[in-house]
């Protein structure tokens, strides 16, 4: 059973930065694409960034130029560096595969941006 554990969220002022981490308990992590998603109250889950096994990245227009996804295959971990945070970035952030079938979702990590 794959387990995903997200961490690094918190309360930050608008314009600030946070770095999220996602640790995966899967031995084949290094050959899988990974993605970060977010879900705000009353809104659908949105994929904000993805990274292929080879390191190619993709971003939602809403975060392009502000967020950076990266991975450390030796640690089975994917990161999301978030800069210039805005109120609208407030959400629970989760990680998973960039496409279905998804692994079981973790608890996510709450990011709250205050203005």
C-alpha atoms as a PDB file:
ATOM      1  CA  UNK A   1       0.000   0.000   0.000  1.00  0.00           C
ATOM      2  CA  UNK A   2       1.515   3.306  -1.075  1.00  0.00           C
ATOM      3  CA  UNK A   3       1.582   6.012   1.567  1.00  0.00           C
ATOM      4  CA  UNK A   4       2.012   9.706   0.851  1.00  0.00           C
ATOM      5  CA  UNK A   5       2.877  12.118   3.654  1.00  0.00           C
ATOM      6  CA  UNK A   6       2.781  15.840   2.991  1.00  0.00           C
ATOM      7  CA  UNK A   7       4.351  18.427   5.289  1.00  0.00           C
ATOM      8  CA  UNK A   8       5.608  21.991   5.420  1.00  0.00           C
ATOM      9  CA  UNK A   9       2.383  23.962   5.326  1.00  0.00           C
ATOM     10  CA  UNK A  10       1.494  26.775   7.668  1.00  0.00           C
ATOM     11  CA  UNK A  11       0.310  30.344   8.036  1.00  0.00           C
ATOM     12  CA  UNK A  12       2.214  32.909   5.990  1.00  0.00           C
ATOM     13  CA  UNK A  13       1.683  36.512   5.022  1.00  0.00           C
ATOM     14  CA  UNK A  14       0.961  37.449   1.439  1.00  0.00           C
ATOM     15  CA  UNK A  15       4.213  37.731  -0.462  1.00  0.00           C
ATOM     16  CA  UNK A  16       5.894  35.139   1.720  1.00  0.00           C
ATOM     17  CA  UNK A  17       7.281  31.697   0.920  1.00  0.00           C
ATOM     18  CA  UNK A  18       6.829  28.104   2.000  1.00  0.00           C
ATOM     19  CA  UNK A  19       8.440  24.835   0.986  1.00  0.00           C
ATOM     20  CA  UNK A  20       6.264  21.750   0.989  1.00  0.00           C
ATOM     21  CA  UNK A  21       7.527  18.170   1.087  1.00  0.00           C
ATOM     22  CA  UNK A  22       5.882  14.915   0.086  1.00  0.00           C
ATOM     23  CA  UNK A  23       7.437  11.635   1.149  1.00  0.00           C
ATOM     24  CA  UNK A  24       6.324   8.523  -0.724  1.00  0.00           C
ATOM     25  CA  UNK A  25       6.663   4.963   0.558  1.00  0.00           C
ATOM     26  CA  UNK A  26       7.114   3.439  -2.857  1.00  0.00           C
ATOM     27  CA  UNK A  27      10.272   1.807  -4.102  1.00  0.00           C
ATOM     28  CA  UNK A  28       9.548   2.716  -7.724  1.00  0.00           C
ATOM     29  CA  UNK A  29       9.250   6.430  -6.933  1.00  0.00           C
ATOM     30  CA  UNK A  30      12.203   7.229  -9.157  1.00  0.00           C
ATOM     31  CA  UNK A  31      10.414   6.024 -12.299  1.00  0.00           C
ATOM     32  CA  UNK A  32       7.109   7.726 -11.586  1.00  0.00           C
ATOM     33  CA  UNK A  33       5.878  11.179 -12.397  1.00  0.00           C
ATOM     34  CA  UNK A  34       4.615  13.120  -9.403  1.00  0.00           C
ATOM     35  CA  UNK A  35       2.353  16.105  -8.961  1.00  0.00           C
ATOM     36  CA  UNK A  36       1.149  18.593  -6.383  1.00  0.00           C
ATOM     37  CA  UNK A  37      -2.539  19.369  -6.092  1.00  0.00           C
ATOM     38  CA  UNK A  38      -4.523  21.779  -3.975  1.00  0.00           C
ATOM     39  CA  UNK A  39      -8.090  21.911  -2.793  1.00  0.00           C
ATOM     40  CA  UNK A  40      -9.696  25.022  -1.388  1.00  0.00           C
ATOM     41  CA  UNK A  41     -13.041  24.945   0.473  1.00  0.00           C
ATOM     42  CA  UNK A  42     -15.931  24.687  -1.981  1.00  0.00           C
ATOM     43  CA  UNK A  43     -13.633  24.255  -4.974  1.00  0.00           C
ATOM     44  CA  UNK A  44     -12.542  21.288  -7.053  1.00  0.00           C
ATOM     45  CA  UNK A  45      -9.107  19.814  -6.601  1.00  0.00           C
ATOM     46  CA  UNK A  46      -6.621  21.527  -8.902  1.00  0.00           C
ATOM     47  CA  UNK A  47      -3.275  20.202 -10.134  1.00  0.00           C
ATOM     48  CA  UNK A  48      -0.735  22.979  -9.664  1.00  0.00           C
ATOM     49  CA  UNK A  49       2.539  21.358 -10.709  1.00  0.00           C
ATOM     50  CA  UNK A  50       3.939  18.094 -12.011  1.00  0.00           C
ATOM     51  CA  UNK A  51       7.359  16.608 -12.599  1.00  0.00           C
ATOM     52  CA  UNK A  52       8.238  13.626 -14.745  1.00  0.00           C
ATOM     53  CA  UNK A  53      10.677  10.884 -13.821  1.00  0.00           C
ATOM     54  CA  UNK A  54      13.194  12.683 -16.009  1.00  0.00           C
ATOM     55  CA  UNK A  55      12.669  16.035 -14.328  1.00  0.00           C
ATOM     56  CA  UNK A  56      10.443  17.775 -16.872  1.00  0.00           C
ATOM     57  CA  UNK A  57       8.047  20.143 -15.121  1.00  0.00           C
ATOM     58  CA  UNK A  58       4.630  21.604 -15.809  1.00  0.00           C
ATOM     59  CA  UNK A  59       2.690  24.296 -13.940  1.00  0.00           C
ATOM     60  CA  UNK A  60      -0.816  25.665 -13.779  1.00  0.00           C
ATOM     61  CA  UNK A  61      -1.028  29.188 -15.151  1.00  0.00           C
ATOM     62  CA  UNK A  62      -2.069  30.454 -11.729  1.00  0.00           C
ATOM     63  CA  UNK A  63       1.276  29.494 -10.157  1.00  0.00           C
ATOM     64  CA  UNK A  64       3.687  29.731 -13.085  1.00  0.00           C
ATOM     65  CA  UNK A  65       6.723  31.812 -12.182  1.00  0.00           C
ATOM     66  CA  UNK A  66       5.991  31.584  -8.430  1.00  0.00           C
ATOM     67  CA  UNK A  67       6.059  27.842  -7.628  1.00  0.00           C
ATOM     68  CA  UNK A  68       8.837  25.349  -8.348  1.00  0.00           C
ATOM     69  CA  UNK A  69       8.463  21.572  -8.153  1.00  0.00           C
ATOM     70  CA  UNK A  70      11.501  19.364  -7.641  1.00  0.00           C
ATOM     71  CA  UNK A  71      12.282  15.831  -6.573  1.00  0.00           C
ATOM     72  CA  UNK A  72      14.917  13.854  -4.709  1.00  0.00           C
ATOM     73  CA  UNK A  73      14.699  10.257  -5.895  1.00  0.00           C
ATOM     74  CA  UNK A  74      17.155   9.051  -3.266  1.00  0.00           C
ATOM     75  CA  UNK A  75      14.744  10.236  -0.583  1.00  0.00           C
ATOM     76  CA  UNK A  76      11.507   9.314  -2.417  1.00  0.00           C
ATOM     77  CA  UNK A  77      10.477  12.928  -1.886  1.00  0.00           C
ATOM     78  CA  UNK A  78       8.976  15.648  -4.039  1.00  0.00           C
ATOM     79  CA  UNK A  79       9.051  19.312  -3.063  1.00  0.00           C
ATOM     80  CA  UNK A  80       7.054  22.412  -3.878  1.00  0.00           C
ATOM     81  CA  UNK A  81       8.772  25.753  -3.339  1.00  0.00           C
ATOM     82  CA  UNK A  82       6.112  28.441  -3.184  1.00  0.00           C
ATOM     83  CA  UNK A  83       7.121  32.086  -3.448  1.00  0.00           C
ATOM     84  CA  UNK A  84       5.158  35.339  -3.694  1.00  0.00           C
ATOM     85  CA  UNK A  85       2.180  33.658  -2.066  1.00  0.00           C
ATOM     86  CA  UNK A  86      -1.272  35.163  -2.575  1.00  0.00           C
ATOM     87  CA  UNK A  87      -4.566  34.900  -0.702  1.00  0.00           C
ATOM     88  CA  UNK A  88      -5.895  32.639  -3.443  1.00  0.00           C
ATOM     89  CA  UNK A  89      -3.145  30.091  -2.751  1.00  0.00           C
ATOM     90  CA  UNK A  90      -4.861  29.207   0.521  1.00  0.00           C
ATOM     91  CA  UNK A  91      -5.786  25.502   0.321  1.00  0.00           C
ATOM     92  CA  UNK A  92      -4.896  22.005   1.430  1.00  0.00           C
ATOM     93  CA  UNK A  93      -1.964  20.822  -0.661  1.00  0.00           C
ATOM     94  CA  UNK A  94      -1.617  17.153  -1.584  1.00  0.00           C
ATOM     95  CA  UNK A  95       0.701  15.099  -3.739  1.00  0.00           C
ATOM     96  CA  UNK A  96       0.038  12.091  -5.954  1.00  0.00           C
ATOM     97  CA  UNK A  97       0.641  10.732  -9.417  1.00  0.00           C
ATOM     98  CA  UNK A  98      -0.052  13.264 -12.197  1.00  0.00           C
ATOM     99  CA  UNK A  99      -2.763  11.032 -13.686  1.00  0.00           C
ATOM    100  CA  UNK A 100      -5.206   8.279 -12.711  1.00  0.00           C
ATOM    101  CA  UNK A 101      -5.232   5.752 -11.223  1.00  0.00           C
ATOM    102  CA  UNK A 102      -4.200   7.734  -8.174  1.00  0.00           C
ATOM    103  CA  UNK A 103      -2.509   6.265  -5.126  1.00  0.00           C
ATOM    104  CA  UNK A 104      -4.439   6.600  -1.844  1.00  0.00           C
ATOM    105  CA  UNK A 105      -4.485  10.305  -0.929  1.00  0.00           C
ATOM    106  CA  UNK A 106      -2.577  11.511   2.105  1.00  0.00           C
ATOM    107  CA  UNK A 107      -3.868  13.992   4.674  1.00  0.00           C
ATOM    108  CA  UNK A 108      -2.372  16.925   2.860  1.00  0.00           C
ATOM    109  CA  UNK A 109      -0.838  20.016   4.416  1.00  0.00           C
ATOM    110  CA  UNK A 110      -2.749  23.240   5.029  1.00  0.00           C
ATOM    111  CA  UNK A 111      -1.403  26.455   3.546  1.00  0.00           C
ATOM    112  CA  UNK A 112      -3.059  29.650   4.731  1.00  0.00           C
ATOM    113  CA  UNK A 113      -2.038  33.002   3.261  1.00  0.00           C
ATOM    114  CA  UNK A 114      -3.088  36.102   5.135  1.00  0.00           C
ATOM    115  CA  UNK A 115      -3.168  39.579   3.634  1.00  0.00           C
END
